[in-house]
Structure formats: C-alpha cells, structure tokens
Amino acid sequence: EAYLDFTVRKVANLRVFEDEGGKMRVFEDEGGKMNLSVKDTGGEALVVSQFTLAGNVRKGNRPSFDAAEEPHRAEAMYLEFVKRLKAEGVRTSTGEFAARMAVSLVNDGPVTIIIESRKP
C-alpha cells in the first residue's frame, strides 16, 4: 500500500514539464527549472506493465526474474495503480497486462526519470 501511494503521488505530481514560458529549463544555468506536473498540464499517462524491468543481469548471461512479483499479485497492483492515478485526476490509458505489445512514443526532451518506490 505504501509503495502504491508513494508512486501514484510521485507520478501525478512530479514537475517535469515546461512552464508557460515555453522553454524546458533543465539546468540551473538555463535560468530555471521544470515547473509543471502532468496534472498541471492536463496531460495524460500511458501505463504499461513491463516485468522485464525486474530482470537482474549481475550473474551469468541470462536475466533472472526472481525479483519480479507473482503474476496475479502484480496484475492486482497494476490495476490498483491505474485506479489511484485516475483518482488523482490524471487521464490514464493502459496497455494489456502481461501481453506482448508494440508501444511507440516520442520522447520530447532530454530527460528520463526513474521512480524507485522501495523506500517511500
């Protein structure tokens, strides 16, 4: 529960979008910071499950997925995350849990952020 709460709040409120000035200022020497969240911009989230992110490649040449959540529990957590994100006011679309999907996107900007929820 604490991990879900932390992650939903972080995704909904993380200020990673450009302000009304139209310029995404990432670095201090550019005169500012990113100011708007997905809620502020009226944007939306695409939530896609990807258990392969739990793959550990520290030993050997084949990823180990021992750290991945059990599928039924993972699906319940995925669905609960989507439900809570919508409750935060974020328009949300989803992929199909545990399905092979071809997802494409345009990464508009120089920023990629990983949100770790292990220590909320």
Protein backbone atom coordinates (compact mmCIF):
# COMPACT_ATOMS: atom_id res chain seq x y z
CA GLU A 1 0.00 0.00 0.00
CA ALA A 2 2.73 2.48 0.92
CA TYR A 3 4.60 1.79 -2.33
CA LEU A 4 1.47 2.31 -4.41
CA ASP A 5 0.60 5.53 -2.58
CA PHE A 6 4.14 6.88 -2.99
CA THR A 7 4.40 6.02 -6.67
CA VAL A 8 0.96 7.35 -7.60
CA ARG A 9 1.58 10.65 -5.81
CA LYS A 10 5.02 10.95 -7.40
CA VAL A 11 3.83 10.24 -10.95
CA ALA A 12 0.84 12.58 -10.65
CA ASN A 13 2.74 15.47 -9.08
CA LEU A 14 6.32 15.29 -10.37
CA ARG A 15 7.15 18.60 -12.03
CA VAL A 16 8.83 17.57 -15.27
CA PHE A 17 7.08 19.69 -17.90
CA GLU A 18 7.93 23.12 -19.25
CA ASP A 19 6.25 26.19 -17.85
CA GLU A 20 4.19 28.72 -19.79
CA GLY A 21 7.40 30.39 -20.94
CA GLY A 22 7.63 27.54 -23.44
CA LYS A 23 11.20 26.53 -22.66
CA MET A 24 12.06 23.45 -20.65
CA ARG A 25 14.81 24.67 -18.39
CA VAL A 26 16.54 21.62 -17.02
CA PHE A 27 19.85 23.01 -15.84
CA GLU A 28 20.40 25.81 -13.33
CA ASP A 29 22.49 27.83 -15.79
CA GLU A 30 19.49 27.99 -18.14
CA GLY A 31 17.70 30.26 -15.68
CA GLY A 32 15.12 27.98 -14.05
CA LYS A 33 13.65 24.58 -13.52
CA MET A 34 10.85 22.41 -14.85
CA ASN A 35 7.67 23.65 -13.19
CA LEU A 36 4.58 21.67 -14.22
CA SER A 37 3.21 18.22 -13.42
CA VAL A 38 1.08 16.05 -15.70
CA LYS A 39 -1.93 17.29 -13.72
CA ASP A 40 -0.92 20.92 -14.24
CA THR A 41 -0.60 20.45 -18.00
CA GLY A 42 -3.80 18.45 -18.44
CA GLY A 43 -1.65 15.69 -19.89
CA GLU A 44 -2.25 12.00 -19.60
CA ALA A 45 -0.41 8.85 -18.63
CA LEU A 46 0.04 5.64 -20.57
CA VAL A 47 0.53 2.86 -18.02
CA VAL A 48 2.08 -0.28 -19.48
CA SER A 49 3.22 -3.28 -17.43
CA GLN A 50 6.77 -4.39 -18.11
CA PHE A 51 8.01 -7.14 -15.81
CA THR A 52 11.31 -7.32 -17.67
CA LEU A 53 12.38 -4.21 -15.76
CA ALA A 54 12.78 -6.56 -12.79
CA GLY A 55 15.41 -8.57 -14.69
CA ASN A 56 18.73 -8.96 -12.91
CA VAL A 57 21.79 -9.48 -15.10
CA ARG A 58 24.51 -9.36 -12.45
CA LYS A 59 25.26 -13.08 -12.74
CA GLY A 60 25.60 -15.01 -15.97
CA ASN A 61 24.30 -14.05 -19.39
CA ARG A 62 20.58 -14.65 -18.91
CA PRO A 63 18.34 -12.26 -16.96
CA SER A 64 16.90 -13.59 -13.73
CA PHE A 65 13.34 -12.58 -12.92
CA ASP A 66 13.32 -13.96 -9.38
CA ALA A 67 12.66 -10.45 -8.01
CA ALA A 68 9.53 -9.97 -10.15
CA GLU A 69 6.19 -10.09 -8.36
CA GLU A 70 3.96 -13.16 -8.73
CA PRO A 71 1.74 -12.55 -11.81
CA HIS A 72 -1.68 -12.44 -10.11
CA ARG A 73 -0.46 -10.07 -7.41
CA ALA A 74 1.41 -7.96 -9.99
CA GLU A 75 -1.76 -7.59 -12.07
CA ALA A 76 -3.77 -6.55 -9.00
CA MET A 77 -1.09 -3.95 -8.15
CA TYR A 78 -1.04 -2.70 -11.75
CA LEU A 79 -4.82 -2.27 -11.82
CA GLU A 80 -4.80 -0.56 -8.41
CA PHE A 81 -2.07 1.82 -9.58
CA VAL A 82 -4.18 2.78 -12.61
CA LYS A 83 -7.28 3.24 -10.44
CA ARG A 84 -5.42 5.51 -8.00
CA LEU A 85 -3.77 7.52 -10.75
CA LYS A 86 -7.20 8.21 -12.26
CA ALA A 87 -8.46 9.18 -8.79
CA GLU A 88 -5.64 11.77 -8.69
CA GLY A 89 -7.22 13.39 -11.74
CA VAL A 90 -4.75 12.09 -14.33
CA ARG A 91 -6.30 10.93 -17.59
CA THR A 92 -4.93 7.43 -17.93
CA SER A 93 -4.75 4.87 -20.72
CA THR A 94 -3.40 1.36 -20.29
CA GLY A 95 -1.77 -1.45 -22.10
CA GLU A 96 -2.92 -5.04 -21.65
CA PHE A 97 -1.34 -6.70 -18.63
CA ALA A 98 1.17 -9.46 -19.49
CA ALA A 99 0.56 -9.14 -23.23
CA ARG A 100 3.08 -8.65 -25.99
CA MET A 101 2.61 -5.07 -27.11
CA ALA A 102 4.27 -2.77 -29.58
CA VAL A 103 4.41 0.64 -27.94
CA SER A 104 5.88 3.67 -29.66
CA LEU A 105 6.42 7.13 -28.30
CA VAL A 106 8.09 10.40 -28.99
CA ASN A 107 10.43 11.33 -26.16
CA ASP A 108 10.11 15.12 -26.26
CA GLY A 109 13.07 16.32 -24.26
CA PRO A 110 16.39 15.41 -22.79
CA VAL A 111 15.05 13.91 -19.55
CA THR A 112 14.40 10.35 -18.40
CA ILE A 113 13.46 9.84 -14.76
CA ILE A 114 13.31 6.54 -12.90
CA ILE A 115 10.99 6.49 -9.89
CA GLU A 116 12.08 3.98 -7.26
CA SER A 117 9.39 3.11 -4.74
CA ARG A 118 11.39 0.84 -2.45
CA LYS A 119 11.73 3.47 0.29
CA PRO A 120 8.61 5.65 0.27
